[in-house]
Protein backbone atom coordinates (compact mmCIF):
# COMPACT_ATOMS: atom_id res chain seq x y z
CA MET A 1 0.65 3.43 -13.70
CA GLU A 2 3.20 1.07 -15.25
CA ASP A 3 6.66 2.36 -16.21
CA GLU A 4 5.88 1.93 -19.93
CA GLU A 5 2.68 3.94 -19.58
CA ILE A 6 4.33 6.89 -17.87
CA VAL A 7 7.09 6.90 -20.49
CA ASP A 8 4.45 7.07 -23.23
CA VAL A 9 2.57 9.84 -21.44
CA ALA A 10 5.78 11.80 -20.81
CA ASN A 11 6.79 11.53 -24.47
CA GLU A 12 3.35 12.69 -25.61
CA TYR A 13 3.53 15.57 -23.14
CA ILE A 14 6.88 16.78 -24.53
CA GLU A 15 5.80 16.28 -28.14
CA ALA A 16 2.74 18.44 -27.45
CA GLY A 17 5.07 21.28 -26.47
CA TYR A 18 4.33 21.45 -22.77
CA PRO A 19 7.12 22.58 -20.39
CA ALA A 20 9.07 19.74 -18.76
CA TYR A 21 9.26 21.61 -15.45
CA ASP A 22 5.47 21.72 -15.11
CA GLY A 23 5.23 18.04 -15.97
CA ILE A 24 7.69 17.17 -13.23
CA MET A 25 6.15 19.48 -10.64
CA GLU A 26 2.44 19.04 -11.29
CA GLY A 27 2.56 15.48 -12.52
CA ILE A 28 5.39 13.37 -11.18
CA VAL A 29 6.18 15.12 -7.90
CA ASP A 30 2.52 15.73 -7.08
CA GLY A 31 1.78 12.06 -7.72
CA MET A 32 4.66 10.93 -5.54
CA ASN A 33 3.54 13.28 -2.77
CA LYS A 34 0.10 11.65 -2.88
CA ALA A 35 1.69 8.20 -2.75
CA SER A 36 3.67 9.33 0.30
CA ASP A 37 0.48 10.57 1.97
CA LEU A 38 -1.25 7.24 1.29
CA TYR A 39 1.73 5.41 2.79
CA ASP A 40 1.61 7.64 5.88
CA ALA A 41 -2.12 6.88 6.16
CA GLU A 42 -1.28 3.14 5.94
CA GLU A 43 -3.34 2.79 2.75
CA TYR A 44 -0.21 2.06 0.70
CA PHE A 45 2.42 -0.55 1.51
CA VAL A 46 6.16 -0.29 0.85
CA THR A 47 5.72 -2.29 -2.36
CA ASP A 48 3.17 0.26 -3.61
CA VAL A 49 5.56 3.13 -2.91
CA LEU A 50 8.39 1.31 -4.68
CA LEU A 51 6.20 0.82 -7.77
CA CYS A 52 5.36 4.53 -7.72
CA SER A 53 9.03 5.35 -7.33
CA ASP A 54 9.95 3.23 -10.35
CA ALA A 55 7.28 4.99 -12.42
CA MET A 56 8.52 8.36 -11.19
CA TYR A 57 12.09 7.69 -12.31
CA ALA A 58 10.85 6.39 -15.67
CA GLY A 59 8.98 9.65 -16.24
CA LEU A 60 11.90 11.75 -15.07
CA SER A 61 14.21 10.02 -17.55
CA ILE A 62 12.05 11.46 -20.33
CA LEU A 63 11.33 14.91 -18.92
CA ARG A 64 14.66 15.85 -17.33
CA PRO A 65 16.66 16.21 -20.60
CA HIS A 66 14.18 18.90 -21.65
CA MET A 67 14.75 21.01 -18.54
CA GLU A 68 16.53 24.34 -18.73
CA THR A 69 18.82 25.02 -15.79
CA SER A 70 20.67 28.10 -14.64
CA ASP A 71 24.44 28.08 -15.05
CA ASP A 72 24.64 29.60 -11.57
CA VAL A 73 22.78 26.66 -10.03
CA GLU A 74 24.80 24.05 -11.93
CA HIS A 75 27.92 24.98 -9.97
CA LYS A 76 26.22 24.56 -6.59
CA LYS A 77 26.67 21.34 -4.61
CA ALA A 78 24.52 19.83 -1.89
CA VAL A 79 24.91 16.82 0.39
CA ILE A 80 21.58 15.24 1.35
CA GLY A 81 20.51 12.39 3.61
CA VAL A 82 18.19 11.09 6.32
CA VAL A 83 19.76 11.37 9.77
CA GLU A 84 21.01 8.36 11.70
CA GLY A 85 18.29 6.15 13.16
CA ASP A 86 15.66 6.96 10.53
CA THR A 87 15.01 4.89 7.40
CA HIS A 88 12.14 6.96 5.93
CA ASP A 89 13.46 8.46 2.71
CA ILE A 90 10.53 9.26 0.41
CA GLY A 91 10.58 12.96 1.27
CA LYS A 92 14.36 13.11 0.99
CA ASN A 93 14.22 11.47 -2.43
CA LEU A 94 11.67 14.02 -3.65
CA VAL A 95 13.82 16.91 -2.44
CA LYS A 96 16.86 15.41 -4.14
CA ILE A 97 14.96 15.03 -7.42
CA MET A 98 13.62 18.57 -7.29
CA MET A 99 17.03 20.04 -6.53
CA GLU A 100 18.65 17.99 -9.30
CA THR A 101 15.93 19.17 -11.65
CA ALA A 102 16.75 22.75 -10.67
CA GLY A 103 20.41 22.12 -11.53
CA PHE A 104 22.06 21.39 -8.18
CA GLU A 105 24.81 18.76 -8.05
CA MET A 106 23.46 16.37 -5.43
CA TYR A 107 25.40 13.90 -3.26
CA ASP A 108 22.86 11.49 -1.77
CA LEU A 109 24.05 9.72 1.39
CA GLY A 110 20.82 7.72 1.64
CA ARG A 111 18.99 6.98 4.87
CA ASP A 112 20.10 6.18 8.43
CA VAL A 113 23.23 8.25 7.76
CA PRO A 114 25.91 8.41 10.49
CA LEU A 115 26.09 12.05 11.53
CA ASP A 116 29.80 12.45 10.83
CA ASP A 117 29.20 11.33 7.23
CA PHE A 118 27.29 14.54 6.48
CA ILE A 119 30.32 16.57 7.51
CA GLU A 120 32.95 14.39 5.85
CA LYS A 121 31.10 14.31 2.53
CA ALA A 122 30.46 18.05 2.61
CA LYS A 123 34.17 18.68 3.15
CA GLU A 124 35.15 16.14 0.49
CA VAL A 125 33.02 17.67 -2.29
CA ASP A 126 33.25 21.28 -1.05
CA ALA A 127 29.47 21.45 -0.74
CA ASP A 128 27.48 24.65 -0.51
CA LEU A 129 24.59 23.01 1.34
CA ILE A 130 24.05 20.22 3.83
CA CYS A 131 20.44 18.98 3.68
CA MET A 132 19.11 16.75 6.47
CA SER A 133 15.68 15.19 6.93
CA THR A 134 13.85 12.97 9.38
CA LEU A 135 10.30 11.81 10.03
CA MET A 136 10.99 10.83 13.64
CA THR A 137 11.09 13.00 16.74
CA THR A 138 13.58 10.56 18.27
CA THR A 139 16.20 11.29 15.60
CA MET A 140 15.71 15.01 14.94
CA GLY A 141 18.32 15.85 17.57
CA GLY A 142 20.92 14.49 15.17
CA MET A 143 20.52 17.62 13.08
CA LYS A 144 21.68 19.80 15.96
CA THR A 145 24.54 17.40 16.61
CA VAL A 146 25.81 17.85 13.05
CA ILE A 147 25.68 21.64 13.42
CA ASP A 148 27.45 21.46 16.79
CA LYS A 149 30.18 19.24 15.29
CA LEU A 150 30.68 21.75 12.47
CA LYS A 151 31.14 24.48 15.08
CA GLU A 152 33.60 22.34 17.05
CA GLN A 153 35.66 21.83 13.90
CA GLY A 154 35.62 25.55 13.16
CA ILE A 155 33.96 25.08 9.77
CA ARG A 156 30.34 25.98 10.51
CA ASP A 157 30.44 29.06 8.26
CA GLN A 158 31.57 27.00 5.25
CA PHE A 159 28.16 25.39 4.73
CA LYS A 160 24.51 26.41 4.75
CA ILE A 161 22.22 23.95 6.55
CA MET A 162 18.71 23.06 5.38
CA VAL A 163 16.42 20.76 7.38
CA GLY A 164 12.99 19.24 6.86
CA GLY A 165 10.60 16.41 7.67
CA SER A 166 7.27 15.97 9.43
CA PRO A 167 8.39 16.81 13.00
CA ILE A 168 10.60 19.73 11.94
CA SER A 169 9.32 23.30 12.19
CA ARG A 170 10.68 26.72 11.33
CA LYS A 171 11.14 27.33 15.05
CA TYR A 172 13.15 24.13 15.49
CA ALA A 173 15.36 25.05 12.54
CA ASP A 174 15.97 28.47 14.09
CA ASP A 175 16.62 26.95 17.53
CA ILE A 176 19.35 24.62 16.25
CA GLY A 177 20.90 27.25 13.99
CA ALA A 178 19.88 25.91 10.57
CA GLU A 179 19.61 28.62 7.91
CA GLY A 180 16.99 26.80 5.85
CA TYR A 181 13.75 24.95 6.46
CA SER A 182 11.20 23.67 3.96
CA VAL A 183 7.81 22.03 4.32
CA ASN A 184 7.99 20.12 1.01
CA ALA A 185 10.16 19.36 -2.01
CA VAL A 186 8.92 22.29 -4.07
CA GLU A 187 9.63 24.77 -1.29
CA ALA A 188 13.03 23.15 -0.69
CA VAL A 189 14.27 24.27 -4.11
CA LYS A 190 13.24 27.87 -3.44
CA VAL A 191 14.92 27.82 -0.03
CA ALA A 192 18.07 26.18 -1.41
CA LYS A 193 18.42 28.76 -4.18
CA LYS A 194 18.01 31.58 -1.69
CA LEU A 195 20.62 30.09 0.63
CA VAL A 196 23.24 29.91 -2.12
CA GLY A 197 22.45 33.43 -3.28
CA ILE A 198 20.64 32.69 -6.52
CA GLU A 199 17.18 34.00 -5.65
């Protein structure tokens, strides 16, 4: 779908009185999840995913202003990024979008993020959450390294840690001492809210 088409559809959706949240969740995010699956199955190329991403942001620009957010969530901050050595960021981007939609103030470090940057940014903005993702087993150890560094600096209890990505499991999150784990972007919002004491 072209950017102009999704803008038209999003406008018609809002004008018809449908809730923006459902449009984002069941339309835009679901579509992007399917694009991600097609990319993983090597049926989509990077250019296809980028086109889908452009359409996604075009739709979000229409729907987001119609979202209602909780005042409690609006004061919560989260640092998010893909750990060093990994450049796969589709899942991370979806989580960021969903958390922003829910009202979190997000600080996106991007992909292939040096591990110390998670800590420095979290300290700089006084974050409530540090969110890390990876799609590679070879880089997932970086998540534990960040947690260990926080302990070494005596500031581990200042931040809640949430992790995710294809090779990550609830058991791995528990083993490395991360408080939160989510299997997808929708679940990530629920977990994040619980971690900061909202739900």
